Amino acid sequence: MKTFVVTVTVLWWAFCATLCFAAQTPEPLTDEPVIHVDWQVPQSLPRRFRNHCVSDPFSGRPYCSDHCGSDYQFYFCSRESFGCCRVGFGYCDWNGLLRCHP
């Protein structure tokens, strides 16, 4: 039983790691802000920010940290506004700026 649990855990983390390299979304061609509200999946981030990707233990949704640290999610709102917020607390406002609420 213990071997089964370890195997499933290793396979799960391998699956989560491949999400960062799965479907590649091209970067926008215009200077218009890219506005995403709430959660951003790894495929919505530019390729250079798709690293340190895991799944949220509570919701199961994948996200990338991009060197932000544990319990932080990387958000990309526009070329001028991107950064780190606590997991699930960041969002892009209607002006394309990153906001982090408590």
N, C-alpha and C. Protein backbone atom coordinates (compact mmCIF):
# COMPACT_ATOMS: atom_id res chain seq x y z
N MET A 1 0.82 -1.20 0.00
CA MET A 1 0.00 0.00 0.00
C MET A 1 0.86 1.25 0.00
N LYS A 2 1.94 1.21 0.81
CA LYS A 2 2.82 2.37 0.90
C LYS A 2 3.48 2.64 -0.46
N THR A 3 3.88 1.60 -1.16
CA THR A 3 4.50 1.75 -2.47
C THR A 3 3.51 2.35 -3.45
N PHE A 4 2.26 1.92 -3.38
CA PHE A 4 1.22 2.46 -4.25
C PHE A 4 1.04 3.96 -4.03
N VAL A 5 0.98 4.40 -2.80
CA VAL A 5 0.81 5.81 -2.48
C VAL A 5 2.00 6.63 -2.98
N VAL A 6 3.20 6.12 -2.79
CA VAL A 6 4.40 6.82 -3.27
C VAL A 6 4.39 6.92 -4.79
N THR A 7 4.02 5.84 -5.45
CA THR A 7 3.97 5.84 -6.92
C THR A 7 2.95 6.84 -7.44
N VAL A 8 1.77 6.84 -6.86
CA VAL A 8 0.73 7.77 -7.28
C VAL A 8 1.17 9.21 -7.03
N THR A 9 1.82 9.47 -5.91
CA THR A 9 2.29 10.81 -5.60
C THR A 9 3.34 11.27 -6.61
N VAL A 10 4.29 10.41 -6.93
CA VAL A 10 5.33 10.76 -7.91
C VAL A 10 4.71 11.02 -9.27
N LEU A 11 3.78 10.18 -9.69
CA LEU A 11 3.11 10.39 -10.97
C LEU A 11 2.31 11.69 -10.99
N TRP A 12 1.67 12.03 -9.89
CA TRP A 12 0.89 13.26 -9.80
C TRP A 12 1.81 14.48 -9.95
N TRP A 13 2.94 14.50 -9.27
CA TRP A 13 3.86 15.64 -9.37
C TRP A 13 4.48 15.71 -10.76
N ALA A 14 4.74 14.58 -11.38
CA ALA A 14 5.26 14.58 -12.75
C ALA A 14 4.22 15.16 -13.71
N PHE A 15 2.97 14.80 -13.51
CA PHE A 15 1.89 15.35 -14.33
C PHE A 15 1.79 16.85 -14.15
N CYS A 16 1.84 17.32 -12.92
CA CYS A 16 1.74 18.76 -12.64
C CYS A 16 2.92 19.52 -13.24
N ALA A 17 4.10 18.92 -13.23
CA ALA A 17 5.28 19.58 -13.79
C ALA A 17 5.15 19.73 -15.30
N THR A 18 4.49 18.78 -15.97
CA THR A 18 4.37 18.88 -17.42
C THR A 18 3.32 19.90 -17.83
N LEU A 19 2.44 20.32 -16.94
CA LEU A 19 1.44 21.32 -17.30
C LEU A 19 2.09 22.63 -17.73
N CYS A 20 3.22 22.95 -17.16
CA CYS A 20 3.89 24.19 -17.51
C CYS A 20 4.40 24.18 -18.94
N PHE A 21 4.66 22.99 -19.50
CA PHE A 21 5.22 22.91 -20.83
C PHE A 21 4.20 22.45 -21.86
N ALA A 22 2.98 22.22 -21.41
CA ALA A 22 1.93 21.76 -22.32
C ALA A 22 1.55 22.91 -23.25
N ALA A 23 0.35 23.03 -23.64
CA ALA A 23 -0.12 24.00 -24.62
C ALA A 23 0.57 25.36 -24.49
N GLN A 24 1.21 25.76 -25.56
CA GLN A 24 1.94 27.03 -25.54
C GLN A 24 1.05 28.12 -26.13
N THR A 25 0.75 29.12 -25.32
CA THR A 25 -0.06 30.23 -25.76
C THR A 25 0.85 31.34 -26.25
N PRO A 26 0.63 31.86 -27.46
CA PRO A 26 1.51 32.92 -27.95
C PRO A 26 1.29 34.22 -27.17
N GLU A 27 2.33 35.04 -27.11
CA GLU A 27 2.21 36.33 -26.45
C GLU A 27 1.39 37.25 -27.35
N PRO A 28 0.72 38.25 -26.76
CA PRO A 28 -0.10 39.14 -27.57
C PRO A 28 0.76 39.92 -28.56
N LEU A 29 0.20 40.19 -29.74
CA LEU A 29 0.92 40.91 -30.77
C LEU A 29 0.77 42.42 -30.64
N THR A 30 -0.20 42.88 -29.87
CA THR A 30 -0.43 44.31 -29.72
C THR A 30 -0.01 44.76 -28.33
N ASP A 31 -0.02 46.05 -28.10
CA ASP A 31 0.32 46.59 -26.79
C ASP A 31 -0.90 46.72 -25.88
N GLU A 32 -2.04 46.20 -26.34
CA GLU A 32 -3.24 46.23 -25.51
C GLU A 32 -3.01 45.37 -24.28
N PRO A 33 -3.52 45.82 -23.13
CA PRO A 33 -3.32 45.00 -21.92
C PRO A 33 -4.03 43.65 -22.03
N VAL A 34 -3.38 42.65 -21.50
CA VAL A 34 -3.99 41.33 -21.41
C VAL A 34 -4.63 41.26 -20.05
N ILE A 35 -5.95 41.18 -20.00
CA ILE A 35 -6.66 41.23 -18.72
C ILE A 35 -7.23 39.86 -18.41
N HIS A 36 -6.76 39.28 -17.33
CA HIS A 36 -7.31 38.04 -16.81
C HIS A 36 -7.77 38.33 -15.39
N VAL A 37 -8.90 37.82 -15.03
CA VAL A 37 -9.41 38.05 -13.70
C VAL A 37 -9.22 36.79 -12.89
N ASP A 38 -8.81 36.96 -11.64
CA ASP A 38 -8.67 35.85 -10.69
C ASP A 38 -7.57 34.89 -11.12
N TRP A 39 -7.88 33.62 -11.32
CA TRP A 39 -6.89 32.56 -11.48
C TRP A 39 -6.31 32.56 -12.89
N GLN A 40 -5.00 32.36 -13.01
CA GLN A 40 -4.37 32.23 -14.32
C GLN A 40 -3.70 30.85 -14.41
N VAL A 41 -4.09 30.10 -15.41
CA VAL A 41 -3.49 28.79 -15.61
C VAL A 41 -2.13 28.98 -16.28
N PRO A 42 -1.22 28.01 -16.14
CA PRO A 42 0.11 28.15 -16.72
C PRO A 42 0.11 28.47 -18.21
N GLN A 43 -0.84 27.94 -18.95
CA GLN A 43 -0.87 28.16 -20.40
C GLN A 43 -1.15 29.63 -20.76
N SER A 44 -1.71 30.41 -19.83
CA SER A 44 -2.01 31.80 -20.13
C SER A 44 -0.81 32.72 -19.90
N LEU A 45 0.26 32.19 -19.28
CA LEU A 45 1.45 32.99 -19.01
C LEU A 45 2.42 32.94 -20.17
N PRO A 46 3.19 34.00 -20.39
CA PRO A 46 4.26 33.92 -21.39
C PRO A 46 5.24 32.81 -20.99
N ARG A 47 5.89 32.20 -21.96
CA ARG A 47 6.73 31.03 -21.71
C ARG A 47 7.80 31.25 -20.65
N ARG A 48 8.39 32.45 -20.61
CA ARG A 48 9.50 32.68 -19.67
C ARG A 48 9.06 32.66 -18.22
N PHE A 49 7.75 32.78 -17.95
CA PHE A 49 7.24 32.77 -16.59
C PHE A 49 6.63 31.43 -16.19
N ARG A 50 6.65 30.44 -17.07
CA ARG A 50 6.05 29.13 -16.78
C ARG A 50 7.06 28.22 -16.11
N ASN A 51 7.38 28.49 -14.87
CA ASN A 51 8.27 27.60 -14.13
C ASN A 51 7.81 27.54 -12.68
N HIS A 52 8.28 26.53 -11.99
CA HIS A 52 7.86 26.27 -10.61
C HIS A 52 6.35 26.12 -10.54
N CYS A 53 5.79 25.30 -11.40
CA CYS A 53 4.35 25.11 -11.48
C CYS A 53 3.92 23.92 -10.62
N VAL A 54 2.83 24.10 -9.90
CA VAL A 54 2.25 23.06 -9.05
C VAL A 54 0.74 23.20 -9.08
N SER A 55 0.05 22.36 -8.36
CA SER A 55 -1.40 22.46 -8.22
C SER A 55 -1.74 22.93 -6.82
N ASP A 56 -2.75 23.77 -6.73
CA ASP A 56 -3.22 24.24 -5.43
C ASP A 56 -3.82 23.06 -4.68
N PRO A 57 -3.39 22.81 -3.45
CA PRO A 57 -3.90 21.63 -2.73
C PRO A 57 -5.38 21.71 -2.39
N PHE A 58 -5.95 22.90 -2.33
CA PHE A 58 -7.37 23.02 -1.95
C PHE A 58 -8.29 22.92 -3.16
N SER A 59 -7.95 23.62 -4.25
CA SER A 59 -8.83 23.61 -5.42
C SER A 59 -8.36 22.65 -6.50
N GLY A 60 -7.07 22.26 -6.49
CA GLY A 60 -6.54 21.38 -7.51
C GLY A 60 -6.17 22.10 -8.79
N ARG A 61 -6.32 23.42 -8.84
CA ARG A 61 -6.00 24.17 -10.05
C ARG A 61 -4.49 24.42 -10.14
N PRO A 62 -3.92 24.28 -11.35
CA PRO A 62 -2.49 24.50 -11.50
C PRO A 62 -2.15 26.00 -11.53
N TYR A 63 -0.96 26.32 -11.04
CA TYR A 63 -0.46 27.70 -11.12
C TYR A 63 1.06 27.66 -11.12
N CYS A 64 1.67 28.76 -11.53
CA CYS A 64 3.13 28.87 -11.56
C CYS A 64 3.59 29.94 -10.59
N SER A 65 4.74 29.72 -9.95
CA SER A 65 5.27 30.67 -8.98
C SER A 65 6.38 31.55 -9.55
N ASP A 66 7.11 31.10 -10.56
CA ASP A 66 8.20 31.86 -11.17
C ASP A 66 9.09 32.54 -10.14
N HIS A 67 9.70 31.77 -9.27
CA HIS A 67 10.65 32.27 -8.27
C HIS A 67 10.02 33.20 -7.23
N CYS A 68 8.71 33.17 -7.08
CA CYS A 68 8.03 34.03 -6.09
C CYS A 68 8.14 33.44 -4.68
N GLY A 69 8.30 32.16 -4.58
CA GLY A 69 8.32 31.51 -3.29
C GLY A 69 7.08 30.65 -3.11
N SER A 70 7.12 29.80 -2.09
CA SER A 70 5.98 28.93 -1.86
C SER A 70 4.78 29.75 -1.41
N ASP A 71 3.62 29.30 -1.73
CA ASP A 71 2.34 29.96 -1.41
C ASP A 71 2.16 31.28 -2.15
N TYR A 72 2.90 31.49 -3.24
CA TYR A 72 2.71 32.68 -4.07
C TYR A 72 2.50 32.25 -5.51
N GLN A 73 1.68 33.02 -6.21
CA GLN A 73 1.35 32.75 -7.60
C GLN A 73 1.84 33.91 -8.45
N PHE A 74 2.37 33.61 -9.63
CA PHE A 74 2.81 34.65 -10.54
C PHE A 74 1.63 35.06 -11.41
N TYR A 75 1.39 36.36 -11.54
CA TYR A 75 0.31 36.91 -12.36
C TYR A 75 0.91 37.77 -13.46
N PHE A 76 0.36 37.66 -14.66
CA PHE A 76 0.77 38.48 -15.79
C PHE A 76 -0.45 39.21 -16.31
N CYS A 77 -0.47 40.53 -16.13
CA CYS A 77 -1.60 41.33 -16.59
C CYS A 77 -1.28 42.03 -17.91
N SER A 78 -0.09 42.55 -18.04
CA SER A 78 0.38 43.19 -19.26
C SER A 78 1.90 43.21 -19.21
N ARG A 79 2.52 43.69 -20.27
CA ARG A 79 3.99 43.75 -20.27
C ARG A 79 4.51 44.72 -19.21
N GLU A 80 3.69 45.65 -18.80
CA GLU A 80 4.09 46.62 -17.78
C GLU A 80 3.69 46.22 -16.37
N SER A 81 2.78 45.29 -16.22
CA SER A 81 2.25 44.95 -14.90
C SER A 81 2.18 43.43 -14.72
N PHE A 82 3.12 42.91 -13.93
CA PHE A 82 3.12 41.50 -13.60
C PHE A 82 3.88 41.33 -12.30
N GLY A 83 3.64 40.23 -11.62
CA GLY A 83 4.33 40.00 -10.36
C GLY A 83 3.70 38.89 -9.55
N CYS A 84 3.99 38.89 -8.26
CA CYS A 84 3.60 37.81 -7.36
C CYS A 84 2.55 38.27 -6.35
N CYS A 85 1.60 37.41 -6.08
CA CYS A 85 0.61 37.61 -5.02
C CYS A 85 0.41 36.25 -4.34
N ARG A 86 -0.17 36.26 -3.15
CA ARG A 86 -0.49 34.99 -2.52
C ARG A 86 -1.44 34.22 -3.40
N VAL A 87 -1.36 32.89 -3.33
CA VAL A 87 -2.17 32.04 -4.20
C VAL A 87 -3.65 32.38 -4.06
N GLY A 88 -4.28 32.69 -5.18
CA GLY A 88 -5.71 32.98 -5.21
C GLY A 88 -6.10 34.39 -4.80
N PHE A 89 -5.13 35.26 -4.46
CA PHE A 89 -5.47 36.60 -4.01
C PHE A 89 -5.12 37.69 -5.01
N GLY A 90 -4.51 37.35 -6.13
CA GLY A 90 -4.15 38.35 -7.12
C GLY A 90 -5.20 38.42 -8.22
N TYR A 91 -5.25 39.58 -8.89
CA TYR A 91 -6.13 39.74 -10.03
C TYR A 91 -5.66 40.93 -10.86
N CYS A 92 -6.11 40.97 -12.10
CA CYS A 92 -5.80 42.08 -12.99
C CYS A 92 -7.03 42.97 -13.07
N ASP A 93 -6.84 44.26 -12.79
CA ASP A 93 -7.99 45.16 -12.84
C ASP A 93 -8.30 45.53 -14.29
N TRP A 94 -9.32 46.36 -14.50
CA TRP A 94 -9.78 46.70 -15.85
C TRP A 94 -8.78 47.58 -16.59
N ASN A 95 -7.81 48.15 -15.88
CA ASN A 95 -6.77 48.95 -16.52
C ASN A 95 -5.54 48.10 -16.86
N GLY A 96 -5.61 46.81 -16.60
CA GLY A 96 -4.50 45.91 -16.90
C GLY A 96 -3.40 45.96 -15.86
N LEU A 97 -3.71 46.38 -14.64
CA LEU A 97 -2.73 46.45 -13.57
C LEU A 97 -2.94 45.32 -12.57
N LEU A 98 -1.84 44.79 -12.07
CA LEU A 98 -1.91 43.72 -11.08
C LEU A 98 -2.33 44.27 -9.73
N ARG A 99 -3.26 43.60 -9.09
CA ARG A 99 -3.71 43.96 -7.74
C ARG A 99 -3.68 42.73 -6.87
N CYS A 100 -3.26 42.89 -5.64
CA CYS A 100 -3.26 41.80 -4.66
C CYS A 100 -4.13 42.23 -3.49
N HIS A 101 -5.17 41.49 -3.19
CA HIS A 101 -5.97 41.81 -2.02
C HIS A 101 -5.61 40.85 -0.90
N PRO A 102 -5.90 41.22 0.34
CA PRO A 102 -5.44 40.44 1.48
C PRO A 102 -5.85 39.02 1.35
